[in-house]
Amino acid sequence: MKISARNVFEGKVTALVNGAVNAELEITTSGGDRLVAIVTEGSVQSLGLAVGKPVMAFVKAPWVMVLAGEGSVKFSARNQLVGSVESVSKGSVNSEVGIKLTGGTLVYAVVTNEAVMELGLKPGVPATALIKANHVVLGVPA
């Protein structure tokens, strides 16, 4: 399968909280990185999602926000994935920023070149990838 989402997290469902309309799932990668997703109960049923089930989580790079440094700001985004900048690929307007998480997963964000400069993003700088739980799309092996 080929997909346009730059970020692919492979792991297992480690928590599942069902609701009337939506469910909250926690996915843990083999390296221990954790990601929370909000999906409909219909998706839980149609994908057969359950604790222990292998799952793939997809997040498009433009949906990832970047927090530079080790700030003490609180955010509503459920996924606050801590790591450090591994790469910055500059384009004419935007840059792709690769953040290596503590568990080894690489997360990509697309941010403006101006943001890269203002945040001082360069390899080795501590950074956090912020991802809203409803921006995580799940898939299961066929």
N, C-alpha and C. Protein backbone atom coordinates (compact mmCIF):
# COMPACT_ATOMS: atom_id res chain seq x y z
N MET A 1 0.84 -1.17 0.00
CA MET A 1 0.00 0.00 0.00
C MET A 1 0.88 1.23 0.00
N LYS A 2 0.56 2.20 -0.82
CA LYS A 2 1.22 3.50 -0.84
C LYS A 2 0.21 4.52 -0.33
N ILE A 3 0.71 5.49 0.44
CA ILE A 3 -0.18 6.48 1.03
C ILE A 3 0.55 7.82 1.08
N SER A 4 -0.20 8.90 0.97
CA SER A 4 0.43 10.22 0.95
C SER A 4 0.74 10.77 2.34
N ALA A 5 0.22 10.17 3.39
CA ALA A 5 0.51 10.65 4.74
C ALA A 5 1.98 10.38 5.05
N ARG A 6 2.69 11.41 5.47
CA ARG A 6 4.14 11.30 5.72
C ARG A 6 4.43 10.52 6.99
N ASN A 7 3.54 10.57 7.96
CA ASN A 7 3.77 9.93 9.25
C ASN A 7 2.96 8.65 9.38
N VAL A 8 3.68 7.56 9.60
CA VAL A 8 3.04 6.26 9.79
C VAL A 8 3.57 5.68 11.10
N PHE A 9 2.67 5.41 12.02
CA PHE A 9 3.01 4.81 13.30
C PHE A 9 2.47 3.38 13.29
N GLU A 10 3.35 2.40 13.38
CA GLU A 10 2.91 1.01 13.46
C GLU A 10 2.99 0.57 14.91
N GLY A 11 1.92 -0.05 15.38
CA GLY A 11 1.92 -0.50 16.77
C GLY A 11 0.72 -1.35 17.07
N LYS A 12 0.37 -1.36 18.34
CA LYS A 12 -0.80 -2.12 18.79
C LYS A 12 -1.70 -1.21 19.60
N VAL A 13 -2.98 -1.52 19.60
CA VAL A 13 -3.93 -0.80 20.44
C VAL A 13 -3.64 -1.21 21.88
N THR A 14 -3.33 -0.23 22.73
CA THR A 14 -3.02 -0.53 24.13
C THR A 14 -4.09 -0.03 25.08
N ALA A 15 -5.03 0.77 24.58
CA ALA A 15 -6.17 1.20 25.39
C ALA A 15 -7.30 1.57 24.44
N LEU A 16 -8.51 1.30 24.89
CA LEU A 16 -9.70 1.62 24.10
C LEU A 16 -10.81 2.03 25.05
N VAL A 17 -11.32 3.25 24.86
CA VAL A 17 -12.44 3.74 25.66
C VAL A 17 -13.58 4.03 24.70
N ASN A 18 -14.64 3.25 24.80
CA ASN A 18 -15.79 3.43 23.92
C ASN A 18 -16.70 4.53 24.44
N GLY A 19 -17.34 5.23 23.51
CA GLY A 19 -18.31 6.26 23.84
C GLY A 19 -19.57 6.06 23.03
N ALA A 20 -20.51 6.97 23.17
CA ALA A 20 -21.77 6.85 22.44
C ALA A 20 -21.56 7.03 20.94
N VAL A 21 -20.68 7.95 20.55
CA VAL A 21 -20.44 8.25 19.14
C VAL A 21 -19.01 7.94 18.73
N ASN A 22 -18.06 8.35 19.57
CA ASN A 22 -16.64 8.18 19.27
C ASN A 22 -15.96 7.29 20.29
N ALA A 23 -14.80 6.80 19.91
CA ALA A 23 -13.96 6.02 20.81
C ALA A 23 -12.58 6.66 20.85
N GLU A 24 -11.91 6.51 21.98
CA GLU A 24 -10.54 6.98 22.13
C GLU A 24 -9.64 5.77 22.21
N LEU A 25 -8.62 5.74 21.36
CA LEU A 25 -7.69 4.61 21.34
C LEU A 25 -6.28 5.12 21.61
N GLU A 26 -5.51 4.32 22.31
CA GLU A 26 -4.10 4.59 22.48
C GLU A 26 -3.35 3.54 21.68
N ILE A 27 -2.40 4.00 20.87
CA ILE A 27 -1.56 3.11 20.07
C ILE A 27 -0.14 3.23 20.61
N THR A 28 0.51 2.09 20.85
CA THR A 28 1.89 2.09 21.32
C THR A 28 2.76 1.40 20.28
N THR A 29 3.82 2.09 19.87
CA THR A 29 4.75 1.53 18.89
C THR A 29 5.70 0.55 19.58
N SER A 30 6.45 -0.19 18.80
CA SER A 30 7.41 -1.14 19.38
C SER A 30 8.48 -0.44 20.20
N GLY A 31 8.76 0.84 19.89
CA GLY A 31 9.74 1.61 20.65
C GLY A 31 9.17 2.27 21.89
N GLY A 32 7.85 2.13 22.09
CA GLY A 32 7.22 2.69 23.27
C GLY A 32 6.58 4.06 23.09
N ASP A 33 6.68 4.63 21.88
CA ASP A 33 6.01 5.91 21.63
C ASP A 33 4.50 5.67 21.62
N ARG A 34 3.76 6.62 22.18
CA ARG A 34 2.30 6.46 22.29
C ARG A 34 1.58 7.59 21.57
N LEU A 35 0.48 7.22 20.92
CA LEU A 35 -0.32 8.14 20.15
C LEU A 35 -1.78 7.88 20.47
N VAL A 36 -2.56 8.94 20.66
CA VAL A 36 -3.99 8.82 20.93
C VAL A 36 -4.77 9.21 19.68
N ALA A 37 -5.78 8.42 19.36
CA ALA A 37 -6.65 8.68 18.21
C ALA A 37 -8.10 8.69 18.66
N ILE A 38 -8.88 9.56 18.04
CA ILE A 38 -10.33 9.58 18.24
C ILE A 38 -10.96 9.14 16.93
N VAL A 39 -11.73 8.06 16.97
CA VAL A 39 -12.42 7.55 15.78
C VAL A 39 -13.88 7.28 16.13
N THR A 40 -14.69 7.11 15.13
CA THR A 40 -16.10 6.81 15.38
C THR A 40 -16.25 5.37 15.88
N GLU A 41 -17.32 5.13 16.57
CA GLU A 41 -17.62 3.76 17.01
C GLU A 41 -17.84 2.86 15.79
N GLY A 42 -18.35 3.44 14.69
CA GLY A 42 -18.49 2.68 13.45
C GLY A 42 -17.15 2.18 12.94
N SER A 43 -16.11 3.01 13.07
CA SER A 43 -14.77 2.60 12.66
C SER A 43 -14.22 1.52 13.58
N VAL A 44 -14.50 1.62 14.86
CA VAL A 44 -14.06 0.58 15.81
C VAL A 44 -14.63 -0.76 15.37
N GLN A 45 -15.91 -0.77 15.03
CA GLN A 45 -16.58 -2.01 14.63
C GLN A 45 -16.07 -2.51 13.27
N SER A 46 -16.04 -1.61 12.28
CA SER A 46 -15.67 -2.06 10.93
C SER A 46 -14.21 -2.48 10.81
N LEU A 47 -13.34 -1.89 11.63
CA LEU A 47 -11.92 -2.27 11.61
C LEU A 47 -11.59 -3.37 12.61
N GLY A 48 -12.57 -3.71 13.46
CA GLY A 48 -12.34 -4.75 14.46
C GLY A 48 -11.30 -4.33 15.50
N LEU A 49 -11.31 -3.05 15.85
CA LEU A 49 -10.31 -2.53 16.79
C LEU A 49 -10.57 -3.05 18.20
N ALA A 50 -9.50 -3.49 18.84
CA ALA A 50 -9.56 -4.01 20.21
C ALA A 50 -8.16 -3.93 20.80
N VAL A 51 -8.08 -3.93 22.11
CA VAL A 51 -6.79 -3.92 22.77
C VAL A 51 -5.98 -5.13 22.32
N GLY A 52 -4.72 -4.88 21.96
CA GLY A 52 -3.83 -5.92 21.49
C GLY A 52 -3.78 -6.07 19.98
N LYS A 53 -4.72 -5.45 19.27
CA LYS A 53 -4.78 -5.58 17.81
C LYS A 53 -3.71 -4.71 17.15
N PRO A 54 -3.00 -5.27 16.15
CA PRO A 54 -2.05 -4.46 15.39
C PRO A 54 -2.80 -3.37 14.63
N VAL A 55 -2.20 -2.18 14.56
CA VAL A 55 -2.85 -1.05 13.92
C VAL A 55 -1.79 -0.12 13.34
N MET A 56 -2.18 0.61 12.32
CA MET A 56 -1.32 1.63 11.75
C MET A 56 -2.04 2.97 11.90
N ALA A 57 -1.30 3.97 12.36
CA ALA A 57 -1.86 5.31 12.50
C ALA A 57 -1.17 6.23 11.49
N PHE A 58 -1.95 7.01 10.80
CA PHE A 58 -1.44 7.91 9.77
C PHE A 58 -1.75 9.35 10.13
N VAL A 59 -0.76 10.22 9.96
CA VAL A 59 -0.94 11.65 10.23
C VAL A 59 -0.23 12.43 9.13
N LYS A 60 -0.96 13.29 8.44
CA LYS A 60 -0.34 14.11 7.41
C LYS A 60 0.56 15.15 8.07
N ALA A 61 1.71 15.41 7.46
CA ALA A 61 2.70 16.32 8.03
C ALA A 61 2.17 17.74 8.29
N PRO A 62 1.28 18.29 7.43
CA PRO A 62 0.78 19.64 7.72
C PRO A 62 -0.11 19.69 8.98
N TRP A 63 -0.58 18.54 9.47
CA TRP A 63 -1.41 18.50 10.67
C TRP A 63 -0.58 18.49 11.95
N VAL A 64 0.74 18.41 11.81
CA VAL A 64 1.64 18.36 12.98
C VAL A 64 2.13 19.77 13.28
N MET A 65 1.92 20.22 14.51
CA MET A 65 2.47 21.50 14.97
C MET A 65 3.75 21.22 15.73
N VAL A 66 4.65 22.18 15.75
CA VAL A 66 5.94 21.99 16.40
C VAL A 66 6.11 23.00 17.53
N LEU A 67 6.50 22.48 18.69
CA LEU A 67 6.86 23.30 19.84
C LEU A 67 8.36 23.14 20.03
N ALA A 68 9.10 24.25 19.97
CA ALA A 68 10.55 24.17 20.12
C ALA A 68 10.93 24.32 21.59
N GLY A 69 12.02 23.66 21.97
CA GLY A 69 12.53 23.77 23.33
C GLY A 69 11.74 22.92 24.30
N GLU A 70 11.92 23.23 25.54
CA GLU A 70 11.28 22.46 26.61
C GLU A 70 10.34 23.37 27.39
N GLY A 71 9.45 24.06 26.68
CA GLY A 71 8.55 25.03 27.28
C GLY A 71 7.57 24.43 28.26
N SER A 72 6.95 25.31 29.02
CA SER A 72 5.99 24.87 30.03
C SER A 72 4.57 25.30 29.65
N VAL A 73 4.30 25.32 28.36
CA VAL A 73 2.98 25.69 27.86
C VAL A 73 2.08 24.46 27.86
N LYS A 74 0.82 24.64 28.24
CA LYS A 74 -0.13 23.53 28.19
C LYS A 74 -0.97 23.67 26.92
N PHE A 75 -1.22 22.52 26.27
CA PHE A 75 -1.98 22.50 25.03
C PHE A 75 -3.15 21.53 25.13
N SER A 76 -4.16 21.76 24.31
CA SER A 76 -5.31 20.86 24.28
C SER A 76 -5.03 19.64 23.40
N ALA A 77 -4.00 19.67 22.58
CA ALA A 77 -3.67 18.53 21.73
C ALA A 77 -3.30 17.33 22.60
N ARG A 78 -3.99 16.21 22.40
CA ARG A 78 -3.74 15.00 23.21
C ARG A 78 -2.36 14.43 22.99
N ASN A 79 -1.85 14.56 21.77
CA ASN A 79 -0.55 13.99 21.45
C ASN A 79 0.52 15.07 21.52
N GLN A 80 1.36 14.95 22.54
CA GLN A 80 2.48 15.86 22.74
C GLN A 80 3.73 14.98 22.79
N LEU A 81 4.29 14.74 21.61
CA LEU A 81 5.34 13.75 21.41
C LEU A 81 6.71 14.40 21.48
N VAL A 82 7.45 14.11 22.54
CA VAL A 82 8.72 14.76 22.83
C VAL A 82 9.88 14.09 22.11
N GLY A 83 10.78 14.91 21.60
CA GLY A 83 11.99 14.41 20.95
C GLY A 83 12.93 15.54 20.66
N SER A 84 13.68 15.40 19.56
CA SER A 84 14.57 16.47 19.12
C SER A 84 14.58 16.50 17.60
N VAL A 85 14.87 17.68 17.07
CA VAL A 85 14.90 17.85 15.62
C VAL A 85 16.03 17.00 15.05
N GLU A 86 15.69 16.19 14.07
CA GLU A 86 16.69 15.38 13.39
C GLU A 86 17.07 15.99 12.04
N SER A 87 16.09 16.61 11.37
CA SER A 87 16.37 17.17 10.05
C SER A 87 15.46 18.35 9.76
N VAL A 88 15.94 19.24 8.91
CA VAL A 88 15.15 20.36 8.39
C VAL A 88 15.44 20.44 6.90
N SER A 89 14.40 20.25 6.08
CA SER A 89 14.55 20.36 4.63
C SER A 89 13.78 21.59 4.17
N LYS A 90 14.52 22.61 3.77
CA LYS A 90 13.92 23.89 3.42
C LYS A 90 13.42 23.91 1.99
N GLY A 91 12.20 24.39 1.80
CA GLY A 91 11.64 24.63 0.49
C GLY A 91 11.54 26.12 0.24
N SER A 92 10.83 26.53 -0.81
CA SER A 92 10.75 27.95 -1.12
C SER A 92 9.85 28.71 -0.13
N VAL A 93 8.83 28.06 0.41
CA VAL A 93 7.92 28.69 1.37
C VAL A 93 7.89 27.94 2.69
N ASN A 94 7.84 26.61 2.61
CA ASN A 94 7.75 25.76 3.80
C ASN A 94 8.97 24.88 3.94
N SER A 95 9.12 24.36 5.15
CA SER A 95 10.18 23.39 5.44
C SER A 95 9.55 22.14 6.02
N GLU A 96 10.20 21.00 5.76
CA GLU A 96 9.81 19.75 6.41
C GLU A 96 10.77 19.55 7.57
N VAL A 97 10.20 19.38 8.77
CA VAL A 97 10.99 19.20 9.98
C VAL A 97 10.77 17.78 10.47
N GLY A 98 11.86 17.04 10.63
CA GLY A 98 11.81 15.68 11.17
C GLY A 98 12.16 15.71 12.65
N ILE A 99 11.28 15.17 13.48
CA ILE A 99 11.51 15.11 14.93
C ILE A 99 11.63 13.65 15.33
N LYS A 100 12.76 13.29 15.93
CA LYS A 100 12.98 11.92 16.40
C LYS A 100 12.47 11.84 17.84
N LEU A 101 11.48 10.97 18.07
CA LEU A 101 10.89 10.82 19.40
C LEU A 101 11.79 9.96 20.27
N THR A 102 11.54 10.00 21.57
CA THR A 102 12.37 9.25 22.52
C THR A 102 12.35 7.74 22.25
N GLY A 103 11.24 7.22 21.71
CA GLY A 103 11.15 5.79 21.41
C GLY A 103 11.70 5.43 20.05
N GLY A 104 12.16 6.42 19.29
CA GLY A 104 12.77 6.16 18.00
C GLY A 104 11.92 6.48 16.79
N THR A 105 10.63 6.72 16.96
CA THR A 105 9.77 7.06 15.84
C THR A 105 10.14 8.43 15.30
N LEU A 106 10.14 8.57 13.98
CA LEU A 106 10.41 9.85 13.33
C LEU A 106 9.08 10.46 12.89
N VAL A 107 8.83 11.70 13.32
CA VAL A 107 7.60 12.42 12.98
C VAL A 107 7.97 13.62 12.13
N TYR A 108 7.23 13.81 11.03
CA TYR A 108 7.49 14.93 10.15
C TYR A 108 6.39 15.97 10.26
N ALA A 109 6.81 17.24 10.24
CA ALA A 109 5.88 18.36 10.24
C ALA A 109 6.25 19.27 9.07
N VAL A 110 5.25 19.91 8.49
CA VAL A 110 5.49 20.93 7.48
C VAL A 110 5.13 22.27 8.11
N VAL A 111 6.12 23.14 8.21
CA VAL A 111 5.93 24.46 8.81
C VAL A 111 6.55 25.50 7.89
N THR A 112 6.18 26.75 8.08
CA THR A 112 6.73 27.80 7.23
C THR A 112 8.22 27.99 7.53
N ASN A 113 8.93 28.49 6.54
CA ASN A 113 10.35 28.80 6.73
C ASN A 113 10.51 29.85 7.82
N GLU A 114 9.57 30.77 7.89
CA GLU A 114 9.60 31.80 8.93
C GLU A 114 9.52 31.17 10.32
N ALA A 115 8.66 30.15 10.48
CA ALA A 115 8.55 29.46 11.77
C ALA A 115 9.84 28.74 12.12
N VAL A 116 10.49 28.14 11.14
CA VAL A 116 11.77 27.47 11.38
C VAL A 116 12.78 28.46 11.95
N MET A 117 12.83 29.64 11.35
CA MET A 117 13.77 30.67 11.82
C MET A 117 13.38 31.17 13.22
N GLU A 118 12.10 31.50 13.41
CA GLU A 118 11.64 32.03 14.70
C GLU A 118 11.83 31.04 15.84
N LEU A 119 11.61 29.77 15.56
CA LEU A 119 11.74 28.74 16.59
C LEU A 119 13.16 28.21 16.75
N GLY A 120 14.04 28.60 15.85
CA GLY A 120 15.42 28.14 15.92
C GLY A 120 15.55 26.64 15.69
N LEU A 121 14.71 26.10 14.78
CA LEU A 121 14.71 24.66 14.52
C LEU A 121 15.92 24.25 13.70
N LYS A 122 16.71 23.37 14.27
CA LYS A 122 17.87 22.79 13.60
C LYS A 122 18.19 21.49 14.31
N PRO A 123 18.92 20.60 13.65
CA PRO A 123 19.22 19.31 14.27
C PRO A 123 19.78 19.45 15.69
N GLY A 124 19.23 18.61 16.58
CA GLY A 124 19.65 18.59 17.96
C GLY A 124 18.81 19.42 18.91
N VAL A 125 18.00 20.34 18.37
CA VAL A 125 17.16 21.19 19.22
C VAL A 125 15.99 20.36 19.78
N PRO A 126 15.74 20.45 21.10
CA PRO A 126 14.57 19.75 21.66
C PRO A 126 13.30 20.27 21.01
N ALA A 127 12.38 19.36 20.69
CA ALA A 127 11.13 19.76 20.05
C ALA A 127 10.04 18.77 20.40
N THR A 128 8.81 19.26 20.36
CA THR A 128 7.64 18.43 20.62
C THR A 128 6.71 18.52 19.43
N ALA A 129 6.25 17.37 18.95
CA ALA A 129 5.26 17.31 17.88
C ALA A 129 3.88 17.30 18.54
N LEU A 130 3.05 18.26 18.18
CA LEU A 130 1.69 18.35 18.71
C LEU A 130 0.72 17.89 17.64
N ILE A 131 -0.10 16.89 17.98
CA ILE A 131 -1.06 16.33 17.02
C ILE A 131 -2.40 16.15 17.72
N LYS A 132 -3.43 16.75 17.18
CA LYS A 132 -4.78 16.57 17.73
C LYS A 132 -5.21 15.12 17.48
N ALA A 133 -5.86 14.53 18.45
CA ALA A 133 -6.26 13.12 18.37
C ALA A 133 -7.21 12.85 17.20
N ASN A 134 -8.00 13.83 16.81
CA ASN A 134 -8.93 13.61 15.69
C ASN A 134 -8.24 13.79 14.34
N HIS A 135 -6.94 14.09 14.32
CA HIS A 135 -6.17 14.14 13.07
C HIS A 135 -5.44 12.84 12.80
N VAL A 136 -5.68 11.83 13.63
CA VAL A 136 -5.02 10.54 13.46
C VAL A 136 -5.99 9.60 12.76
N VAL A 137 -5.58 9.07 11.61
CA VAL A 137 -6.39 8.14 10.83
C VAL A 137 -5.83 6.74 11.04
N LEU A 138 -6.71 5.79 11.35
CA LEU A 138 -6.27 4.42 11.64
C LEU A 138 -6.55 3.45 10.51
N GLY A 139 -5.70 2.46 10.40
CA GLY A 139 -5.89 1.38 9.45
C GLY A 139 -5.40 0.08 10.07
N VAL A 140 -5.92 -1.02 9.59
CA VAL A 140 -5.49 -2.34 10.09
C VAL A 140 -5.05 -3.19 8.90
N PRO A 141 -4.11 -4.12 9.15
CA PRO A 141 -3.70 -5.01 8.06
C PRO A 141 -4.89 -5.81 7.54
N ALA A 142 -4.92 -6.01 6.22
CA ALA A 142 -6.04 -6.75 5.61
C ALA A 142 -5.91 -8.24 5.86
